[in-house]
Amino acid sequence: MCNLSKGVEEKGIQKGIEKGIEQGIEKGILLSIRNLMETMGWSVEQAMESLKIPEEEKTKYSDELI
């Protein structure tokens, strides 16, 4: 494999790893929101506030929970 191909392959692998980590974090946050809603009887908004979810991300997580 030439150096260019190897570099492209390594960049692709790195992007895949980063995307996987990001997806794992999002799934963990969604699980935390659901657990707080279930165990504490909280609304989506209350659960996200307690987890200090940034305002700009709240819509994304709300949409995922529906």
N, C-alpha and C. Protein backbone atom coordinates (compact mmCIF):
# COMPACT_ATOMS: atom_id res chain seq x y z
N MET A 1 0.86 -1.18 0.00
CA MET A 1 0.00 0.00 0.00
C MET A 1 0.90 1.24 0.00
N CYS A 2 0.57 2.19 -0.85
CA CYS A 2 1.38 3.41 -0.90
C CYS A 2 1.06 4.31 0.31
N ASN A 3 1.96 5.25 0.54
CA ASN A 3 1.81 6.13 1.70
C ASN A 3 0.52 6.94 1.65
N LEU A 4 0.11 7.37 0.44
CA LEU A 4 -1.12 8.15 0.31
C LEU A 4 -2.33 7.31 0.72
N SER A 5 -2.38 6.08 0.22
CA SER A 5 -3.50 5.20 0.56
C SER A 5 -3.55 4.91 2.05
N LYS A 6 -2.38 4.71 2.63
CA LYS A 6 -2.32 4.44 4.07
C LYS A 6 -2.81 5.64 4.86
N GLY A 7 -2.43 6.84 4.44
CA GLY A 7 -2.89 8.05 5.12
C GLY A 7 -4.39 8.22 5.03
N VAL A 8 -4.94 7.95 3.84
CA VAL A 8 -6.40 8.05 3.65
C VAL A 8 -7.10 7.02 4.52
N GLU A 9 -6.57 5.81 4.55
CA GLU A 9 -7.16 4.76 5.38
C GLU A 9 -7.14 5.14 6.86
N GLU A 10 -6.03 5.66 7.33
CA GLU A 10 -5.92 6.04 8.74
C GLU A 10 -6.88 7.17 9.09
N LYS A 11 -7.05 8.13 8.17
CA LYS A 11 -8.01 9.21 8.42
C LYS A 11 -9.43 8.67 8.50
N GLY A 12 -9.75 7.71 7.63
CA GLY A 12 -11.08 7.10 7.65
C GLY A 12 -11.33 6.35 8.94
N ILE A 13 -10.33 5.62 9.38
CA ILE A 13 -10.46 4.89 10.64
C ILE A 13 -10.66 5.86 11.80
N GLN A 14 -9.89 6.93 11.83
CA GLN A 14 -10.00 7.92 12.90
C GLN A 14 -11.38 8.56 12.91
N LYS A 15 -11.90 8.90 11.71
CA LYS A 15 -13.25 9.48 11.63
C LYS A 15 -14.29 8.51 12.17
N GLY A 16 -14.13 7.23 11.83
CA GLY A 16 -15.07 6.22 12.31
C GLY A 16 -15.04 6.08 13.82
N ILE A 17 -13.86 6.12 14.38
CA ILE A 17 -13.72 6.03 15.84
C ILE A 17 -14.38 7.23 16.50
N GLU A 18 -14.13 8.42 15.98
CA GLU A 18 -14.71 9.63 16.55
C GLU A 18 -16.23 9.60 16.47
N LYS A 19 -16.77 9.14 15.34
CA LYS A 19 -18.22 9.07 15.18
C LYS A 19 -18.81 8.05 16.16
N GLY A 20 -18.13 6.93 16.34
CA GLY A 20 -18.60 5.92 17.28
C GLY A 20 -18.61 6.43 18.71
N ILE A 21 -17.59 7.17 19.09
CA ILE A 21 -17.53 7.75 20.43
C ILE A 21 -18.68 8.73 20.62
N GLU A 22 -18.90 9.58 19.61
CA GLU A 22 -19.98 10.57 19.69
C GLU A 22 -21.34 9.89 19.83
N GLN A 23 -21.57 8.82 19.06
CA GLN A 23 -22.83 8.10 19.15
C GLN A 23 -23.00 7.45 20.52
N GLY A 24 -21.92 6.93 21.07
CA GLY A 24 -21.98 6.32 22.39
C GLY A 24 -22.33 7.32 23.47
N ILE A 25 -21.75 8.51 23.37
CA ILE A 25 -22.05 9.57 24.34
C ILE A 25 -23.52 9.95 24.25
N GLU A 26 -24.02 10.12 23.02
CA GLU A 26 -25.43 10.49 22.84
C GLU A 26 -26.36 9.41 23.39
N LYS A 27 -26.04 8.15 23.16
CA LYS A 27 -26.88 7.07 23.69
C LYS A 27 -26.87 7.08 25.22
N GLY A 28 -25.72 7.36 25.81
CA GLY A 28 -25.62 7.43 27.26
C GLY A 28 -26.45 8.56 27.84
N ILE A 29 -26.44 9.70 27.17
CA ILE A 29 -27.24 10.84 27.62
C ILE A 29 -28.72 10.52 27.51
N LEU A 30 -29.12 9.91 26.39
CA LEU A 30 -30.53 9.54 26.22
C LEU A 30 -30.96 8.55 27.30
N LEU A 31 -30.11 7.59 27.61
CA LEU A 31 -30.42 6.62 28.65
C LEU A 31 -30.57 7.31 30.00
N SER A 32 -29.70 8.26 30.29
CA SER A 32 -29.77 9.00 31.56
C SER A 32 -31.07 9.79 31.64
N ILE A 33 -31.45 10.44 30.55
CA ILE A 33 -32.70 11.21 30.53
C ILE A 33 -33.88 10.28 30.79
N ARG A 34 -33.92 9.16 30.06
CA ARG A 34 -35.03 8.20 30.24
C ARG A 34 -35.08 7.67 31.68
N ASN A 35 -33.93 7.33 32.22
CA ASN A 35 -33.89 6.80 33.59
C ASN A 35 -34.39 7.82 34.61
N LEU A 36 -34.00 9.07 34.46
CA LEU A 36 -34.49 10.11 35.38
C LEU A 36 -36.00 10.29 35.24
N MET A 37 -36.48 10.25 34.01
CA MET A 37 -37.92 10.40 33.80
C MET A 37 -38.68 9.25 34.45
N GLU A 38 -38.15 8.04 34.30
CA GLU A 38 -38.83 6.86 34.84
C GLU A 38 -38.74 6.79 36.36
N THR A 39 -37.55 6.94 36.91
CA THR A 39 -37.39 6.73 38.35
C THR A 39 -37.84 7.92 39.19
N MET A 40 -37.68 9.12 38.66
CA MET A 40 -38.03 10.31 39.42
C MET A 40 -39.40 10.87 39.03
N GLY A 41 -39.96 10.36 37.94
CA GLY A 41 -41.25 10.89 37.48
C GLY A 41 -41.12 12.28 36.88
N TRP A 42 -39.94 12.62 36.40
CA TRP A 42 -39.68 13.95 35.87
C TRP A 42 -40.09 14.06 34.41
N SER A 43 -40.32 15.29 33.99
CA SER A 43 -40.56 15.56 32.57
C SER A 43 -39.22 15.53 31.84
N VAL A 44 -39.29 15.53 30.52
CA VAL A 44 -38.07 15.59 29.70
C VAL A 44 -37.26 16.82 30.07
N GLU A 45 -37.95 17.94 30.23
CA GLU A 45 -37.26 19.20 30.53
C GLU A 45 -36.54 19.14 31.88
N GLN A 46 -37.22 18.59 32.88
CA GLN A 46 -36.60 18.48 34.20
C GLN A 46 -35.36 17.57 34.17
N ALA A 47 -35.47 16.47 33.45
CA ALA A 47 -34.34 15.54 33.36
C ALA A 47 -33.15 16.20 32.66
N MET A 48 -33.42 16.92 31.58
CA MET A 48 -32.33 17.58 30.85
C MET A 48 -31.72 18.71 31.67
N GLU A 49 -32.53 19.42 32.42
CA GLU A 49 -32.00 20.48 33.30
C GLU A 49 -31.08 19.88 34.35
N SER A 50 -31.50 18.77 34.95
CA SER A 50 -30.68 18.17 36.00
C SER A 50 -29.35 17.65 35.45
N LEU A 51 -29.34 17.25 34.18
CA LEU A 51 -28.11 16.78 33.54
C LEU A 51 -27.30 17.91 32.91
N LYS A 52 -27.85 19.13 33.01
CA LYS A 52 -27.19 20.32 32.46
C LYS A 52 -26.92 20.19 30.96
N ILE A 53 -27.95 19.71 30.25
CA ILE A 53 -27.87 19.61 28.79
C ILE A 53 -27.92 21.03 28.24
N PRO A 54 -26.98 21.41 27.38
CA PRO A 54 -27.00 22.76 26.80
C PRO A 54 -28.29 23.01 26.00
N GLU A 55 -28.78 24.24 26.06
CA GLU A 55 -30.02 24.61 25.38
C GLU A 55 -30.02 24.20 23.91
N GLU A 56 -28.88 24.40 23.24
CA GLU A 56 -28.82 24.12 21.80
C GLU A 56 -28.89 22.62 21.48
N GLU A 57 -28.76 21.77 22.48
CA GLU A 57 -28.83 20.32 22.25
C GLU A 57 -30.16 19.72 22.72
N LYS A 58 -30.96 20.48 23.44
CA LYS A 58 -32.19 19.94 24.01
C LYS A 58 -33.18 19.47 22.95
N THR A 59 -33.31 20.19 21.87
CA THR A 59 -34.24 19.79 20.81
C THR A 59 -33.83 18.45 20.22
N LYS A 60 -32.54 18.28 20.00
CA LYS A 60 -32.03 17.03 19.43
C LYS A 60 -32.41 15.85 20.32
N TYR A 61 -32.21 15.98 21.61
CA TYR A 61 -32.51 14.88 22.52
C TYR A 61 -34.02 14.69 22.68
N SER A 62 -34.77 15.78 22.70
CA SER A 62 -36.23 15.67 22.79
C SER A 62 -36.78 14.91 21.60
N ASP A 63 -36.27 15.23 20.41
CA ASP A 63 -36.72 14.55 19.19
C ASP A 63 -36.39 13.06 19.24
N GLU A 64 -35.26 12.70 19.80
CA GLU A 64 -34.85 11.30 19.90
C GLU A 64 -35.73 10.52 20.88
N LEU A 65 -36.28 11.20 21.87
CA LEU A 65 -37.08 10.53 22.90
C LEU A 65 -38.52 10.30 22.46
N ILE A 66 -38.93 10.96 21.41
CA ILE A 66 -40.33 10.84 20.97
C ILE A 66 -40.51 9.61 20.10
